[in-house]
Amino acid sequence: MTDPLEGVARDASTLGEVISGFESEGYRGQFVARDGATIECTTCKTTSPAQAFVGNHRLQRLEGASDPADMLAVAALTCPKCGTKGTLVLSYGPEASRADDDVLVRLDVPAEDAPGW
């Protein structure tokens, strides 16, 4: 029997809690999604393709079942240029920007961290 909630975020973590958790693991920098499936590192101001962010990173989805504006994903990434470890907040679903959508589908995220997008 399949799980009717497969792919649905189940915890009630807040954005602040998720970011604080990643910061406690050393992800203290910040990244911004840009047009053309690129990500800007706010430390070195370099913009790189989302696919360049490979290796040690994770993605945590936040609940948006009752409010599509709350459909967020926080990625913990490492800048391919300067090595800064930081977080990137992306919207997904009906409220997502094109930049967020393009980056999200191109990030090399382990399958267990991206259930049911």
Protein backbone atom coordinates (compact mmCIF):
# COMPACT_ATOMS: atom_id res chain seq x y z
CA MET A 1 0.00 0.00 0.00
CA THR A 2 1.36 3.42 -0.89
CA ASP A 3 1.63 6.24 1.61
CA PRO A 4 -1.05 8.88 0.74
CA LEU A 5 1.29 11.55 2.13
CA GLU A 6 4.36 10.49 0.16
CA GLY A 7 6.39 13.56 -0.78
CA VAL A 8 4.54 15.84 1.65
CA ALA A 9 6.55 17.74 4.24
CA ARG A 10 5.50 16.47 7.65
CA ASP A 11 7.36 18.48 10.26
CA ALA A 12 6.43 21.94 11.46
CA SER A 13 9.88 23.50 11.33
CA THR A 14 10.02 27.23 10.75
CA LEU A 15 12.31 28.90 8.25
CA GLY A 16 14.34 30.36 11.12
CA GLU A 17 14.75 26.94 12.74
CA VAL A 18 15.92 25.33 9.51
CA ILE A 19 18.42 28.11 8.79
CA SER A 20 19.68 28.04 12.41
CA GLY A 21 20.18 24.30 12.14
CA PHE A 22 22.24 24.65 8.98
CA GLU A 23 24.20 27.55 10.52
CA SER A 24 25.09 25.32 13.48
CA GLU A 25 26.61 22.92 10.93
CA GLY A 26 28.76 25.71 9.46
CA TYR A 27 26.48 26.97 6.66
CA ARG A 28 26.69 30.65 7.63
CA GLY A 29 26.85 32.36 4.22
CA GLN A 30 23.95 33.21 1.95
CA PHE A 31 23.08 32.52 -1.67
CA VAL A 32 20.47 34.05 -3.99
CA ALA A 33 18.73 32.43 -6.97
CA ARG A 34 19.23 34.41 -10.17
CA ASP A 35 17.83 34.18 -13.69
CA GLY A 36 19.23 31.55 -16.04
CA ALA A 37 19.38 28.79 -13.38
CA THR A 38 22.26 30.52 -11.62
CA ILE A 39 23.07 31.16 -7.96
CA GLU A 40 24.88 34.19 -6.57
CA CYS A 41 27.20 33.83 -3.58
CA THR A 42 26.79 36.94 -1.41
CA THR A 43 30.31 36.49 -0.01
CA CYS A 44 32.36 36.61 -3.23
CA LYS A 45 29.58 38.08 -5.43
CA THR A 46 30.18 35.34 -8.03
CA THR A 47 27.24 33.94 -9.97
CA SER A 48 27.58 30.28 -10.95
CA PRO A 49 25.30 27.75 -12.67
CA ALA A 50 23.21 25.74 -10.20
CA GLN A 51 24.82 22.57 -11.53
CA ALA A 52 28.22 23.84 -10.30
CA PHE A 53 27.03 23.48 -6.69
CA VAL A 54 27.91 19.80 -6.36
CA GLY A 55 29.05 17.74 -3.44
CA ASN A 56 28.25 18.25 0.22
CA HIS A 57 24.83 19.90 0.33
CA ARG A 58 21.31 19.15 1.41
CA LEU A 59 17.80 20.42 0.93
CA GLN A 60 15.02 20.73 3.49
CA ARG A 61 11.45 21.36 2.44
CA LEU A 62 9.12 23.41 4.65
CA GLU A 63 5.40 22.74 4.92
CA GLY A 64 3.07 24.60 2.62
CA ALA A 65 -0.06 22.49 2.77
CA SER A 66 -2.31 25.24 4.12
CA ASP A 67 -0.63 28.27 2.50
CA PRO A 68 1.17 28.06 -0.86
CA ALA A 69 3.26 31.09 0.15
CA ASP A 70 4.85 28.86 2.81
CA MET A 71 6.09 26.33 0.25
CA LEU A 72 9.83 26.81 0.74
CA ALA A 73 12.96 24.75 0.38
CA VAL A 74 16.22 25.62 2.10
CA ALA A 75 19.37 24.35 0.42
CA ALA A 76 22.67 24.09 2.28
CA LEU A 77 25.35 24.70 -0.36
CA THR A 78 29.05 25.35 -0.85
CA CYS A 79 30.20 28.05 -3.29
CA PRO A 80 32.25 26.52 -6.13
CA LYS A 81 34.36 29.69 -6.36
CA CYS A 82 35.26 30.73 -2.78
CA GLY A 83 34.20 27.70 -0.71
CA THR A 84 31.70 29.61 1.45
CA LYS A 85 29.13 27.30 3.02
CA GLY A 86 25.68 28.88 3.21
CA THR A 87 21.96 28.62 2.65
CA LEU A 88 19.67 29.35 -0.27
CA VAL A 89 15.93 29.80 0.29
CA LEU A 90 13.76 28.84 -2.68
CA SER A 91 10.02 28.93 -3.19
CA TYR A 92 8.38 26.02 -4.98
CA GLY A 93 4.89 25.32 -6.21
CA PRO A 94 2.41 27.94 -7.48
CA GLU A 95 4.13 30.88 -5.74
CA ALA A 96 7.65 30.10 -7.01
CA SER A 97 9.50 32.52 -9.24
CA ARG A 98 10.97 31.27 -12.50
CA ALA A 99 14.48 31.77 -11.07
CA ASP A 100 13.66 29.61 -8.04
CA ASP A 101 12.08 26.89 -10.20
CA ASP A 102 15.02 26.82 -12.61
CA VAL A 103 17.58 26.59 -9.80
CA LEU A 104 15.64 23.97 -7.84
CA VAL A 105 15.37 21.52 -10.74
CA ARG A 106 19.07 21.86 -11.54
CA LEU A 107 20.53 21.45 -8.07
CA ASP A 108 22.26 18.12 -7.61
CA VAL A 109 20.36 17.18 -4.45
CA PRO A 110 20.41 13.63 -3.05
CA ALA A 111 17.09 11.91 -3.80
CA GLU A 112 16.28 11.38 -0.11
CA ASP A 113 16.39 15.17 0.42
CA ALA A 114 14.00 16.01 -2.42
CA PRO A 115 10.94 13.79 -1.98
CA GLY A 116 8.06 14.15 -4.38
CA TRP A 117 8.75 17.54 -5.96
